[in-house]
Structures are given as C-alpha cells and as structure tokens.
Amino acid sequence: MPMPRHHAMHAQRGIALFIGMVFLLILSIVAVMAMRGTLVEMRLGSNTARHEEAFEASEALRSVPLSLFDQHVFERGWPSAMGGTVNDSEFTFSTQMAPTLYSKLATALQKDCEGKVSLFYGPLQGACAGGTLPKETLYDATTWHPDVVLAVCDSSSSTCSANMTAQIAVVPDGSVLKSGAGGAQAAGYRGLGIGSAGGGAALYFEIRSVAQVPGNGVAITHTQYEQTIRN
C-alpha cells in the first residue's frame, strides 16, 4: 500500500532538517578551529613583538652604565652626586649626558652588601639582604646582584609610567697583561705601553642585563667587557 503523500513530505522535511543541522555543526566546528588558529597566530605575533622590544630595551639600557665604565674604574669610585666618595669635580658625567639621565643614574645605582654604592669592579658579593640576594658565583649568572636598575618609558606610552625596566649586573672576570707590558715586555715583546699603567693591562667583566616590558615580555643579554687600564 503506497505511503500517503503528506507522510512522505513530512519525512523529507525531517531528513532535510537533520542534514541542515549536520552541515551547521560542521561549519561551526570549522569556524571555531579557524578562530582558534587566528588567536594562536595573534598571540605568537604579540609574544614575538614583546620579546623583540624587551631585547632592544636590554641592549639599549645595558649600554648606559657602560658609558661610565672608563672614568669609574680610573677614578676608583663614584662621584659624591651619585652617592660615592670621589669629588664630583673629578668626573665629567654631568657634562657628557643629559641632566635627566644623569639624575636617573644617580638613583639607579644599587647598594652592595655593606650598604655602599655598588662598584662595577668590586669583588663578588656574599649572600645578604636577609637571604634575598644569594652568594654571587662567577659561573652562575642567576646569582649576580643587580648593580644598576633602570626604568624608562615605553616609546608607545602616552603617560610615561616608566614601564620598561632593566636589571644590570656587572661582575669581574679577571685581568690580563697585554703584549709589551711588564713581564711580557721583558721577554722581548713590544706593545701598548711600558707597564700595566701604560695601557698594557686590561680588566675583564661579565655584564648581564635582564629587561622587562609591558605584556610580560622578558629578554636577557650577556656580554663580556674589556676595560683597558690607563694612567
């Protein structure tokens, strides 16, 4: 007996509705997957941008204290204006850099375990600050105490909230006599000077800069610095 026409049409409508719902579900899954992929790409792009910004901040801010290295080592200390013990007239920092940067550096220099302004060429520090700062070990950079902490404004910031920071640690890594200095000259080599004070010796330092920028972007740069001893 043939199926009544209205029953056949009802069955067809039911199948069409089911197929339509299946297609809608498939399209929804595809849309969700595409959105997730787009979000992942956006996050990857944002993370890369933050890392690059942090790297640039680490490199740029690390160069600021290095500009003071020569006079600091030569005068064996910091000027009184920066909390040191050397007469201000012995230094030319204030004439070589902008007043705002000079005043920022004065507050950026950190204290050592004895409560004095940290010396870049000073010995490795022991544990202090109630155990917050561990004993410094030359071959474990994570133990190095910060010697300079700089905070500057993000270039995209309209309020200048000093939201880019860098902690810079400097530790001594030995010294060497260059050719033509001291014993090397006595052995027949000629070089920079007639002795250590004549430019025939160099001090080596390890410098680590850890920068952080908005969005939790962090970058670490590390370099070795050579300081020629001069008289």
C-alpha atoms as a PDB file:
ATOM      1  CA  MET A   1       0.000   0.000   0.000  1.00  0.00           C
ATOM      2  CA  PRO A   2       1.595   3.326  -1.022  1.00  0.00           C
ATOM      3  CA  MET A   3       2.527   5.846   1.684  1.00  0.00           C
ATOM      4  CA  PRO A   4       0.206   8.794   1.911  1.00  0.00           C
ATOM      5  CA  ARG A   5       1.659  11.904   0.287  1.00  0.00           C
ATOM      6  CA  HIS A   6       1.591  14.062   3.404  1.00  0.00           C
ATOM      7  CA  HIS A   7       3.579  11.405   5.337  1.00  0.00           C
ATOM      8  CA  ALA A   8       6.261  11.326   2.588  1.00  0.00           C
ATOM      9  CA  MET A   9       6.606  15.124   2.615  1.00  0.00           C
ATOM     10  CA  HIS A  10       6.890  15.133   6.418  1.00  0.00           C
ATOM     11  CA  ALA A  11       9.682  12.526   6.280  1.00  0.00           C
ATOM     12  CA  GLN A  12      11.539  14.538   3.634  1.00  0.00           C
ATOM     13  CA  ARG A  13      11.309  17.689   5.722  1.00  0.00           C
ATOM     14  CA  GLY A  14      12.678  15.782   8.716  1.00  0.00           C
ATOM     15  CA  ILE A  15      15.661  14.493   6.701  1.00  0.00           C
ATOM     16  CA  ALA A  16      16.364  17.970   5.314  1.00  0.00           C
ATOM     17  CA  LEU A  17      16.308  19.435   8.813  1.00  0.00           C
ATOM     18  CA  PHE A  18      18.705  16.756  10.065  1.00  0.00           C
ATOM     19  CA  ILE A  19      21.122  17.275   7.164  1.00  0.00           C
ATOM     20  CA  GLY A  20      20.945  21.036   7.654  1.00  0.00           C
ATOM     21  CA  MET A  21      21.813  20.678  11.349  1.00  0.00           C
ATOM     22  CA  VAL A  22      24.751  18.412  10.495  1.00  0.00           C
ATOM     23  CA  PHE A  23      26.099  20.979   7.992  1.00  0.00           C
ATOM     24  CA  LEU A  24      25.587  23.758  10.538  1.00  0.00           C
ATOM     25  CA  LEU A  25      27.522  21.767  13.141  1.00  0.00           C
ATOM     26  CA  ILE A  26      30.369  21.144  10.684  1.00  0.00           C
ATOM     27  CA  LEU A  27      30.518  24.822   9.720  1.00  0.00           C
ATOM     28  CA  SER A  28      30.523  25.840  13.391  1.00  0.00           C
ATOM     29  CA  ILE A  29      33.444  23.480  14.113  1.00  0.00           C
ATOM     30  CA  VAL A  30      35.380  24.849  11.122  1.00  0.00           C
ATOM     31  CA  ALA A  31      34.698  28.431  12.249  1.00  0.00           C
ATOM     32  CA  VAL A  32      35.830  27.673  15.809  1.00  0.00           C
ATOM     33  CA  MET A  33      39.032  25.998  14.552  1.00  0.00           C
ATOM     34  CA  ALA A  34      39.753  28.961  12.280  1.00  0.00           C
ATOM     35  CA  MET A  35      39.218  31.408  15.151  1.00  0.00           C
ATOM     36  CA  ARG A  36      41.488  29.381  17.419  1.00  0.00           C
ATOM     37  CA  GLY A  37      44.166  29.343  14.738  1.00  0.00           C
ATOM     38  CA  THR A  38      43.862  33.101  14.302  1.00  0.00           C
ATOM     39  CA  LEU A  39      44.106  33.667  18.061  1.00  0.00           C
ATOM     40  CA  VAL A  40      47.199  31.471  18.285  1.00  0.00           C
ATOM     41  CA  GLU A  41      48.837  33.416  15.437  1.00  0.00           C
ATOM     42  CA  MET A  42      47.969  36.715  17.151  1.00  0.00           C
ATOM     43  CA  ARG A  43      49.461  35.511  20.415  1.00  0.00           C
ATOM     44  CA  LEU A  44      52.593  34.282  18.660  1.00  0.00           C
ATOM     45  CA  GLY A  45      52.921  37.636  16.907  1.00  0.00           C
ATOM     46  CA  SER A  46      52.388  39.548  20.162  1.00  0.00           C
ATOM     47  CA  ASN A  47      54.903  37.370  22.026  1.00  0.00           C
ATOM     48  CA  THR A  48      57.485  37.862  19.286  1.00  0.00           C
ATOM     49  CA  ALA A  49      56.935  41.623  19.339  1.00  0.00           C
ATOM     50  CA  ARG A  50      57.248  41.755  23.144  1.00  0.00           C
ATOM     51  CA  HIS A  51      60.432  39.693  23.059  1.00  0.00           C
ATOM     52  CA  GLU A  52      61.959  41.940  20.393  1.00  0.00           C
ATOM     53  CA  GLU A  53      61.013  45.030  22.395  1.00  0.00           C
ATOM     54  CA  ALA A  54      62.493  43.506  25.560  1.00  0.00           C
ATOM     55  CA  PHE A  55      65.677  42.561  23.676  1.00  0.00           C
ATOM     56  CA  GLU A  56      66.081  46.103  22.364  1.00  0.00           C
ATOM     57  CA  ALA A  57      65.480  47.507  25.861  1.00  0.00           C
ATOM     58  CA  SER A  58      68.028  45.108  27.356  1.00  0.00           C
ATOM     59  CA  GLU A  59      70.665  46.070  24.807  1.00  0.00           C
ATOM     60  CA  ALA A  60      69.975  49.815  24.978  1.00  0.00           C
ATOM     61  CA  LEU A  61      69.862  50.078  28.770  1.00  0.00           C
ATOM     62  CA  ARG A  62      72.949  47.899  29.181  1.00  0.00           C
ATOM     63  CA  SER A  63      74.931  50.460  27.195  1.00  0.00           C
ATOM     64  CA  VAL A  64      74.036  53.288  29.604  1.00  0.00           C
ATOM     65  CA  PRO A  65      76.183  52.223  32.572  1.00  0.00           C
ATOM     66  CA  LEU A  66      78.922  51.079  30.182  1.00  0.00           C
ATOM     67  CA  SER A  67      79.338  54.700  29.117  1.00  0.00           C
ATOM     68  CA  LEU A  68      80.530  55.414  32.684  1.00  0.00           C
ATOM     69  CA  PHE A  69      82.912  52.478  32.924  1.00  0.00           C
ATOM     70  CA  ASP A  70      86.181  54.145  31.947  1.00  0.00           C
ATOM     71  CA  GLN A  71      86.019  57.059  34.391  1.00  0.00           C
ATOM     72  CA  HIS A  72      84.518  54.912  37.132  1.00  0.00           C
ATOM     73  CA  VAL A  73      87.395  52.424  37.018  1.00  0.00           C
ATOM     74  CA  PHE A  74      90.036  55.135  36.515  1.00  0.00           C
ATOM     75  CA  GLU A  75      88.814  57.191  39.499  1.00  0.00           C
ATOM     76  CA  ARG A  76      88.203  54.025  41.572  1.00  0.00           C
ATOM     77  CA  GLY A  77      84.726  55.029  42.678  1.00  0.00           C
ATOM     78  CA  TRP A  78      81.629  57.111  42.046  1.00  0.00           C
ATOM     79  CA  PRO A  79      81.189  60.896  42.420  1.00  0.00           C
ATOM     80  CA  SER A  80      79.542  62.294  45.529  1.00  0.00           C
ATOM     81  CA  ALA A  81      76.461  63.260  43.487  1.00  0.00           C
ATOM     82  CA  MET A  82      75.893  59.544  42.868  1.00  0.00           C
ATOM     83  CA  GLY A  83      76.441  58.549  46.467  1.00  0.00           C
ATOM     84  CA  GLY A  84      80.129  57.807  46.084  1.00  0.00           C
ATOM     85  CA  THR A  85      83.207  59.122  47.847  1.00  0.00           C
ATOM     86  CA  VAL A  86      85.101  60.770  44.977  1.00  0.00           C
ATOM     87  CA  ASN A  87      84.941  64.528  44.439  1.00  0.00           C
ATOM     88  CA  ASP A  88      82.398  65.496  41.782  1.00  0.00           C
ATOM     89  CA  SER A  89      84.978  67.660  40.010  1.00  0.00           C
ATOM     90  CA  GLU A  90      86.925  64.509  39.085  1.00  0.00           C
ATOM     91  CA  PHE A  91      84.106  63.324  36.829  1.00  0.00           C
ATOM     92  CA  THR A  92      82.629  64.641  33.601  1.00  0.00           C
ATOM     93  CA  PHE A  93      79.467  62.517  33.617  1.00  0.00           C
ATOM     94  CA  SER A  94      77.250  65.548  34.140  1.00  0.00           C
ATOM     95  CA  THR A  95      78.620  67.253  31.016  1.00  0.00           C
ATOM     96  CA  GLN A  96      78.570  64.146  28.808  1.00  0.00           C
ATOM     97  CA  MET A  97      74.928  63.183  29.229  1.00  0.00           C
ATOM     98  CA  ALA A  98      71.534  64.810  29.565  1.00  0.00           C
ATOM     99  CA  PRO A  99      70.717  66.089  33.095  1.00  0.00           C
ATOM    100  CA  THR A 100      67.631  63.854  33.279  1.00  0.00           C
ATOM    101  CA  LEU A 101      69.690  60.737  32.502  1.00  0.00           C
ATOM    102  CA  TYR A 102      72.414  61.799  34.938  1.00  0.00           C
ATOM    103  CA  SER A 103      69.904  62.210  37.773  1.00  0.00           C
ATOM    104  CA  LYS A 104      68.240  58.896  36.849  1.00  0.00           C
ATOM    105  CA  LEU A 105      71.578  57.099  37.036  1.00  0.00           C
ATOM    106  CA  ALA A 106      72.218  58.572  40.455  1.00  0.00           C
ATOM    107  CA  THR A 107      69.157  56.740  41.770  1.00  0.00           C
ATOM    108  CA  ALA A 108      69.633  53.675  39.549  1.00  0.00           C
ATOM    109  CA  LEU A 109      72.919  52.613  41.153  1.00  0.00           C
ATOM    110  CA  GLN A 110      72.297  49.865  43.700  1.00  0.00           C
ATOM    111  CA  LYS A 111      73.872  49.275  47.114  1.00  0.00           C
ATOM    112  CA  ASP A 112      76.211  46.388  47.849  1.00  0.00           C
ATOM    113  CA  CYS A 113      76.014  44.088  50.874  1.00  0.00           C
ATOM    114  CA  GLU A 114      77.751  46.736  53.002  1.00  0.00           C
ATOM    115  CA  GLY A 115      75.177  49.378  52.130  1.00  0.00           C
ATOM    116  CA  LYS A 116      77.566  51.322  49.890  1.00  0.00           C
ATOM    117  CA  VAL A 117      77.054  52.273  46.248  1.00  0.00           C
ATOM    118  CA  SER A 118      77.943  49.215  44.202  1.00  0.00           C
ATOM    119  CA  LEU A 119      81.295  49.307  42.411  1.00  0.00           C
ATOM    120  CA  PHE A 120      81.413  47.677  38.991  1.00  0.00           C
ATOM    121  CA  TYR A 121      84.946  46.426  39.590  1.00  0.00           C
ATOM    122  CA  GLY A 122      84.225  45.288  43.163  1.00  0.00           C
ATOM    123  CA  PRO A 123      84.639  41.672  44.301  1.00  0.00           C
ATOM    124  CA  LEU A 124      81.894  39.089  44.172  1.00  0.00           C
ATOM    125  CA  GLN A 125      79.347  39.662  46.927  1.00  0.00           C
ATOM    126  CA  GLY A 126      78.237  37.229  49.596  1.00  0.00           C
ATOM    127  CA  ALA A 127      74.636  36.492  50.491  1.00  0.00           C
ATOM    128  CA  CYS A 128      72.825  39.487  52.019  1.00  0.00           C
ATOM    129  CA  ALA A 129      69.513  41.344  52.205  1.00  0.00           C
ATOM    130  CA  GLY A 130      68.159  38.747  54.578  1.00  0.00           C
ATOM    131  CA  GLY A 131      68.909  35.946  52.155  1.00  0.00           C
ATOM    132  CA  THR A 132      67.034  37.638  49.308  1.00  0.00           C
ATOM    133  CA  LEU A 133      70.313  38.054  47.426  1.00  0.00           C
ATOM    134  CA  PRO A 134      72.354  34.826  47.207  1.00  0.00           C
ATOM    135  CA  LYS A 135      76.105  34.499  47.242  1.00  0.00           C
ATOM    136  CA  GLU A 136      77.490  35.591  43.884  1.00  0.00           C
ATOM    137  CA  THR A 137      79.165  32.888  41.810  1.00  0.00           C
ATOM    138  CA  LEU A 138      81.050  33.851  38.660  1.00  0.00           C
ATOM    139  CA  TYR A 139      79.749  30.964  36.563  1.00  0.00           C
ATOM    140  CA  ASP A 140      76.145  31.185  37.732  1.00  0.00           C
ATOM    141  CA  ALA A 141      74.693  34.401  36.338  1.00  0.00           C
ATOM    142  CA  THR A 142      71.421  33.917  38.194  1.00  0.00           C
ATOM    143  CA  THR A 143      73.241  34.662  41.479  1.00  0.00           C
ATOM    144  CA  TRP A 144      74.617  38.039  40.377  1.00  0.00           C
ATOM    145  CA  HIS A 145      73.338  41.020  42.345  1.00  0.00           C
ATOM    146  CA  PRO A 146      71.964  43.928  40.294  1.00  0.00           C
ATOM    147  CA  ASP A 147      74.359  46.888  40.190  1.00  0.00           C
ATOM    148  CA  VAL A 148      72.040  49.159  38.206  1.00  0.00           C
ATOM    149  CA  VAL A 149      68.254  49.113  37.908  1.00  0.00           C
ATOM    150  CA  LEU A 150      66.973  51.434  35.190  1.00  0.00           C
ATOM    151  CA  ALA A 151      63.332  52.245  34.462  1.00  0.00           C
ATOM    152  CA  VAL A 152      62.379  54.184  31.345  1.00  0.00           C
ATOM    153  CA  CYS A 153      59.236  54.942  29.373  1.00  0.00           C
ATOM    154  CA  ASP A 154      57.909  52.681  26.689  1.00  0.00           C
ATOM    155  CA  SER A 155      58.076  54.535  23.369  1.00  0.00           C
ATOM    156  CA  SER A 156      54.381  53.805  22.818  1.00  0.00           C
ATOM    157  CA  SER A 157      53.347  55.041  26.258  1.00  0.00           C
ATOM    158  CA  SER A 158      51.414  58.290  26.412  1.00  0.00           C
ATOM    159  CA  THR A 159      51.663  58.608  30.184  1.00  0.00           C
ATOM    160  CA  CYS A 160      55.377  57.798  30.565  1.00  0.00           C
ATOM    161  CA  SER A 161      54.902  55.464  33.516  1.00  0.00           C
ATOM    162  CA  ALA A 162      58.470  54.089  33.292  1.00  0.00           C
ATOM    163  CA  ASN A 163      57.121  50.675  32.451  1.00  0.00           C
ATOM    164  CA  MET A 164      60.309  49.328  30.827  1.00  0.00           C
ATOM    165  CA  THR A 165      62.931  48.149  33.303  1.00  0.00           C
ATOM    166  CA  ALA A 166      66.355  46.522  33.146  1.00  0.00           C
ATOM    167  CA  GLN A 167      68.412  44.986  35.938  1.00  0.00           C
ATOM    168  CA  ILE A 168      72.095  45.144  35.041  1.00  0.00           C
ATOM    169  CA  ALA A 169      74.696  43.097  36.896  1.00  0.00           C
ATOM    170  CA  VAL A 170      78.452  43.505  36.488  1.00  0.00           C
ATOM    171  CA  VAL A 171      80.984  41.018  37.876  1.00  0.00           C
ATOM    172  CA  PRO A 172      84.787  40.964  37.466  1.00  0.00           C
ATOM    173  CA  ASP A 173      86.200  38.174  35.318  1.00  0.00           C
ATOM    174  CA  GLY A 174      89.949  38.548  35.787  1.00  0.00           C
ATOM    175  CA  SER A 175      92.713  40.640  34.267  1.00  0.00           C
ATOM    176  CA  VAL A 176      95.482  40.114  31.737  1.00  0.00           C
ATOM    177  CA  LEU A 177      98.746  41.806  30.817  1.00  0.00           C
ATOM    178  CA  LYS A 178      98.903  42.711  27.156  1.00  0.00           C
ATOM    179  CA  SER A 179     101.944  42.208  24.971  1.00  0.00           C
ATOM    180  CA  GLY A 180     104.607  44.795  25.770  1.00  0.00           C
ATOM    181  CA  ALA A 181     103.527  45.135  29.415  1.00  0.00           C
ATOM    182  CA  GLY A 182     105.556  44.141  32.446  1.00  0.00           C
ATOM    183  CA  GLY A 183     106.918  40.615  32.148  1.00  0.00           C
ATOM    184  CA  ALA A 184     105.816  40.341  28.531  1.00  0.00           C
ATOM    185  CA  GLN A 185     107.990  43.304  27.602  1.00  0.00           C
ATOM    186  CA  ALA A 186     110.945  41.845  29.469  1.00  0.00           C
ATOM    187  CA  ALA A 187     110.579  38.741  27.306  1.00  0.00           C
ATOM    188  CA  GLY A 188     111.111  40.844  24.186  1.00  0.00           C
ATOM    189  CA  TYR A 189     107.543  41.681  23.128  1.00  0.00           C
ATOM    190  CA  ARG A 190     106.517  45.217  22.261  1.00  0.00           C
ATOM    191  CA  GLY A 191     103.014  46.561  22.617  1.00  0.00           C
ATOM    192  CA  LEU A 192     100.779  49.277  24.062  1.00  0.00           C
ATOM    193  CA  GLY A 193     102.839  50.541  26.955  1.00  0.00           C
ATOM    194  CA  ILE A 194     105.856  50.261  29.187  1.00  0.00           C
ATOM    195  CA  GLY A 195     103.897  48.666  32.012  1.00  0.00           C
ATOM    196  CA  SER A 196     100.439  47.916  33.302  1.00  0.00           C
ATOM    197  CA  ALA A 197      99.612  51.565  33.925  1.00  0.00           C
ATOM    198  CA  GLY A 198     100.662  52.477  30.415  1.00  0.00           C
ATOM    199  CA  GLY A 199      97.782  50.636  28.834  1.00  0.00           C
ATOM    200  CA  GLY A 200      99.441  47.247  28.916  1.00  0.00           C
ATOM    201  CA  ALA A 201      96.803  45.565  31.080  1.00  0.00           C
ATOM    202  CA  ALA A 202      93.086  45.005  30.856  1.00  0.00           C
ATOM    203  CA  LEU A 203      90.302  44.103  33.245  1.00  0.00           C
ATOM    204  CA  TYR A 204      87.503  41.835  32.066  1.00  0.00           C
ATOM    205  CA  PHE A 205      83.912  41.954  33.239  1.00  0.00           C
ATOM    206  CA  GLU A 206      80.803  39.893  32.612  1.00  0.00           C
ATOM    207  CA  ILE A 207      77.697  42.041  32.135  1.00  0.00           C
ATOM    208  CA  ARG A 208      74.144  40.686  32.232  1.00  0.00           C
ATOM    209  CA  SER A 209      71.039  42.731  31.505  1.00  0.00           C
ATOM    210  CA  VAL A 210      67.517  41.447  32.210  1.00  0.00           C
ATOM    211  CA  ALA A 211      64.830  43.669  30.675  1.00  0.00           C
ATOM    212  CA  GLN A 212      61.061  43.523  31.107  1.00  0.00           C
ATOM    213  CA  VAL A 213      58.470  45.380  29.028  1.00  0.00           C
ATOM    214  CA  PRO A 214      54.662  45.682  29.157  1.00  0.00           C
ATOM    215  CA  GLY A 215      52.873  42.425  28.426  1.00  0.00           C
ATOM    216  CA  ASN A 216      55.404  40.381  30.440  1.00  0.00           C
ATOM    217  CA  GLY A 217      57.977  40.481  27.656  1.00  0.00           C
ATOM    218  CA  VAL A 218      61.390  39.495  29.050  1.00  0.00           C
ATOM    219  CA  ALA A 219      64.824  39.274  27.408  1.00  0.00           C
ATOM    220  CA  ILE A 220      68.309  38.596  28.760  1.00  0.00           C
ATOM    221  CA  THR A 221      71.505  39.769  27.084  1.00  0.00           C
ATOM    222  CA  HIS A 222      75.002  38.884  28.207  1.00  0.00           C
ATOM    223  CA  THR A 223      78.367  40.202  27.100  1.00  0.00           C
ATOM    224  CA  GLN A 224      81.996  40.375  28.153  1.00  0.00           C
ATOM    225  CA  TYR A 225      83.528  43.826  28.537  1.00  0.00           C
ATOM    226  CA  GLU A 226      87.224  44.708  28.334  1.00  0.00           C
ATOM    227  CA  GLN A 227      88.448  47.748  30.242  1.00  0.00           C
ATOM    228  CA  THR A 228      91.979  48.895  29.416  1.00  0.00           C
ATOM    229  CA  ILE A 229      93.863  50.208  32.427  1.00  0.00           C
ATOM    230  CA  ARG A 230      95.187  53.709  31.789  1.00  0.00           C
ATOM    231  CA  ASN A 231      97.286  56.120  33.826  1.00  0.00           C
END
